[in-house]
Amino acid sequence: MYPFLGVSVYDGLDLAAQEALGLPQATGAYVTTVTADGPAGLAGVRGSGGNNLAGGDLIVGIDDEVVNSFSDLISYLVFETEVGQTVTLTILRDGEEIELPVELGARP
């Protein structure tokens, strides 16, 4: 079984997207969709909710490891975690850095 967060991300943030979304940085994993009853959804992670990218959380860390891209997040989940483990996501939301504990589920 592989660990599951229950998010989809937009991994192509460039400087134009960063500016348009009002983000302080272009690195990280930008959440577009959250599975409502999935681990991230239950923990309060927010997605942008569709075609309009505005309003999603930017994941910039997991368990004090820097997340520069979606591949960093996936690599950490696959190689460093297991189903049922609680990880701490560091996210940027509305200009603030927030830490959210998330109990990982099993990938469906």
C-alpha atoms as a PDB file:
ATOM      1  CA  MET A   1       0.000   0.000   0.000  1.00  0.00           C
ATOM      2  CA  TYR A   2       1.165   3.476  -0.867  1.00  0.00           C
ATOM      3  CA  PRO A   3       0.486   6.578   1.246  1.00  0.00           C
ATOM      4  CA  PHE A   4      -2.238   8.903  -0.042  1.00  0.00           C
ATOM      5  CA  LEU A   5      -2.831  12.619   0.563  1.00  0.00           C
ATOM      6  CA  GLY A   6      -5.823  13.107  -1.716  1.00  0.00           C
ATOM      7  CA  VAL A   7      -4.711  16.189  -3.632  1.00  0.00           C
ATOM      8  CA  SER A   8      -4.126  17.176  -7.232  1.00  0.00           C
ATOM      9  CA  VAL A   9      -1.597  19.895  -7.871  1.00  0.00           C
ATOM     10  CA  TYR A  10      -0.575  22.343 -10.542  1.00  0.00           C
ATOM     11  CA  ASP A  11       3.145  21.845 -10.863  1.00  0.00           C
ATOM     12  CA  GLY A  12       3.931  24.429 -13.507  1.00  0.00           C
ATOM     13  CA  LEU A  13       4.051  27.644 -11.520  1.00  0.00           C
ATOM     14  CA  ASP A  14       6.168  30.217 -13.245  1.00  0.00           C
ATOM     15  CA  LEU A  15       6.745  33.860 -12.366  1.00  0.00           C
ATOM     16  CA  ALA A  16       3.625  34.973 -14.269  1.00  0.00           C
ATOM     17  CA  ALA A  17       1.424  32.449 -12.431  1.00  0.00           C
ATOM     18  CA  GLN A  18       3.057  33.358  -9.136  1.00  0.00           C
ATOM     19  CA  GLU A  19       2.250  37.019  -9.688  1.00  0.00           C
ATOM     20  CA  ALA A  20      -1.300  36.341 -10.900  1.00  0.00           C
ATOM     21  CA  LEU A  21      -2.031  34.188  -7.844  1.00  0.00           C
ATOM     22  CA  GLY A  22      -0.393  36.611  -5.430  1.00  0.00           C
ATOM     23  CA  LEU A  23       2.022  33.978  -4.146  1.00  0.00           C
ATOM     24  CA  PRO A  24       5.303  34.916  -2.461  1.00  0.00           C
ATOM     25  CA  GLN A  25       7.181  32.195  -4.398  1.00  0.00           C
ATOM     26  CA  ALA A  26       6.845  29.955  -7.444  1.00  0.00           C
ATOM     27  CA  THR A  27       8.334  26.838  -5.849  1.00  0.00           C
ATOM     28  CA  GLY A  28       6.146  24.278  -4.126  1.00  0.00           C
ATOM     29  CA  ALA A  29       3.167  22.104  -4.996  1.00  0.00           C
ATOM     30  CA  TYR A  30       0.070  24.259  -5.681  1.00  0.00           C
ATOM     31  CA  VAL A  31      -3.125  22.432  -4.686  1.00  0.00           C
ATOM     32  CA  THR A  32      -5.909  22.578  -7.266  1.00  0.00           C
ATOM     33  CA  THR A  33      -8.212  19.786  -6.087  1.00  0.00           C
ATOM     34  CA  VAL A  34      -8.717  18.111  -2.719  1.00  0.00           C
ATOM     35  CA  THR A  35     -10.595  14.841  -2.248  1.00  0.00           C
ATOM     36  CA  ALA A  36     -13.262  15.930   0.262  1.00  0.00           C
ATOM     37  CA  ASP A  37     -13.090  12.781   2.399  1.00  0.00           C
ATOM     38  CA  GLY A  38      -9.384  12.182   1.797  1.00  0.00           C
ATOM     39  CA  PRO A  39      -6.602  12.809   4.316  1.00  0.00           C
ATOM     40  CA  ALA A  40      -5.732  16.334   3.124  1.00  0.00           C
ATOM     41  CA  GLY A  41      -9.397  17.339   2.870  1.00  0.00           C
ATOM     42  CA  LEU A  42     -10.114  16.140   6.403  1.00  0.00           C
ATOM     43  CA  ALA A  43      -7.070  18.093   7.640  1.00  0.00           C
ATOM     44  CA  GLY A  44      -8.287  21.334   6.049  1.00  0.00           C
ATOM     45  CA  VAL A  45      -6.052  21.628   2.976  1.00  0.00           C
ATOM     46  CA  ARG A  46      -7.690  23.883   0.373  1.00  0.00           C
ATOM     47  CA  GLY A  47      -7.682  23.491  -3.387  1.00  0.00           C
ATOM     48  CA  SER A  48      -8.350  26.165  -5.960  1.00  0.00           C
ATOM     49  CA  GLY A  49     -11.485  24.326  -7.013  1.00  0.00           C
ATOM     50  CA  GLY A  50     -11.420  24.158 -10.772  1.00  0.00           C
ATOM     51  CA  ASN A  51     -10.280  26.130 -13.778  1.00  0.00           C
ATOM     52  CA  ASN A  52      -9.614  29.286 -11.806  1.00  0.00           C
ATOM     53  CA  LEU A  53      -6.331  28.638 -10.030  1.00  0.00           C
ATOM     54  CA  ALA A  54      -6.819  31.262  -7.306  1.00  0.00           C
ATOM     55  CA  GLY A  55      -7.446  30.205  -3.723  1.00  0.00           C
ATOM     56  CA  GLY A  56      -5.444  27.000  -3.385  1.00  0.00           C
ATOM     57  CA  ASP A  57      -2.813  26.186  -0.801  1.00  0.00           C
ATOM     58  CA  LEU A  58       0.856  26.076  -1.778  1.00  0.00           C
ATOM     59  CA  ILE A  59       2.608  23.131  -0.123  1.00  0.00           C
ATOM     60  CA  VAL A  60       6.182  24.214   0.581  1.00  0.00           C
ATOM     61  CA  GLY A  61       7.215  21.573   3.101  1.00  0.00           C
ATOM     62  CA  ILE A  62       6.478  18.192   4.587  1.00  0.00           C
ATOM     63  CA  ASP A  63       7.930  17.167   7.954  1.00  0.00           C
ATOM     64  CA  ASP A  64      10.501  19.989   7.778  1.00  0.00           C
ATOM     65  CA  GLU A  65      11.641  18.874   4.293  1.00  0.00           C
ATOM     66  CA  VAL A  66      11.454  21.547   1.589  1.00  0.00           C
ATOM     67  CA  VAL A  67       8.984  20.917  -1.230  1.00  0.00           C
ATOM     68  CA  ASN A  68      10.117  22.709  -4.391  1.00  0.00           C
ATOM     69  CA  SER A  69       7.872  20.721  -6.729  1.00  0.00           C
ATOM     70  CA  PHE A  70       5.253  17.984  -6.809  1.00  0.00           C
ATOM     71  CA  SER A  71       7.989  15.407  -7.411  1.00  0.00           C
ATOM     72  CA  ASP A  72       9.610  16.369  -4.074  1.00  0.00           C
ATOM     73  CA  LEU A  73       6.285  15.769  -2.319  1.00  0.00           C
ATOM     74  CA  ILE A  74       5.661  12.423  -4.029  1.00  0.00           C
ATOM     75  CA  SER A  75       9.221  11.212  -3.427  1.00  0.00           C
ATOM     76  CA  TYR A  76       8.944  11.972   0.271  1.00  0.00           C
ATOM     77  CA  LEU A  77       5.571  10.236   0.545  1.00  0.00           C
ATOM     78  CA  VAL A  78       6.766   7.109  -1.271  1.00  0.00           C
ATOM     79  CA  PHE A  79      10.181   6.714   0.355  1.00  0.00           C
ATOM     80  CA  GLU A  80       9.802   8.228   3.825  1.00  0.00           C
ATOM     81  CA  THR A  81       6.230   7.569   4.976  1.00  0.00           C
ATOM     82  CA  GLU A  82       3.689   4.812   5.431  1.00  0.00           C
ATOM     83  CA  VAL A  83      -0.078   4.524   5.562  1.00  0.00           C
ATOM     84  CA  GLY A  84      -1.450   5.707   8.910  1.00  0.00           C
ATOM     85  CA  GLN A  85       1.521   7.972   9.648  1.00  0.00           C
ATOM     86  CA  THR A  86       0.862  11.620  10.510  1.00  0.00           C
ATOM     87  CA  VAL A  87       2.929  14.130   8.547  1.00  0.00           C
ATOM     88  CA  THR A  88       3.046  17.881   8.946  1.00  0.00           C
ATOM     89  CA  LEU A  89       2.435  19.898   5.795  1.00  0.00           C
ATOM     90  CA  THR A  90       3.786  23.430   5.670  1.00  0.00           C
ATOM     91  CA  ILE A  91       1.540  25.483   3.425  1.00  0.00           C
ATOM     92  CA  LEU A  92       1.258  29.076   2.321  1.00  0.00           C
ATOM     93  CA  ARG A  93      -2.306  30.373   2.461  1.00  0.00           C
ATOM     94  CA  ASP A  94      -3.341  34.004   2.087  1.00  0.00           C
ATOM     95  CA  GLY A  95       0.199  35.195   2.775  1.00  0.00           C
ATOM     96  CA  GLU A  96       0.582  33.140   5.949  1.00  0.00           C
ATOM     97  CA  GLU A  97       2.633  30.020   6.623  1.00  0.00           C
ATOM     98  CA  ILE A  98       0.495  27.335   8.267  1.00  0.00           C
ATOM     99  CA  GLU A  99       1.373  23.861   9.504  1.00  0.00           C
ATOM    100  CA  LEU A 100      -1.301  21.184   9.185  1.00  0.00           C
ATOM    101  CA  PRO A 101      -1.006  17.646  10.554  1.00  0.00           C
ATOM    102  CA  VAL A 102      -2.327  15.066   8.073  1.00  0.00           C
ATOM    103  CA  GLU A 103      -2.827  11.367   8.754  1.00  0.00           C
ATOM    104  CA  LEU A 104      -1.949   9.566   5.527  1.00  0.00           C
ATOM    105  CA  GLY A 105      -4.444   7.141   4.041  1.00  0.00           C
ATOM    106  CA  ALA A 106      -3.937   4.257   1.619  1.00  0.00           C
ATOM    107  CA  ARG A 107      -3.931   5.103  -2.060  1.00  0.00           C
ATOM    108  CA  PRO A 108      -7.147   3.780  -3.612  1.00  0.00           C
END
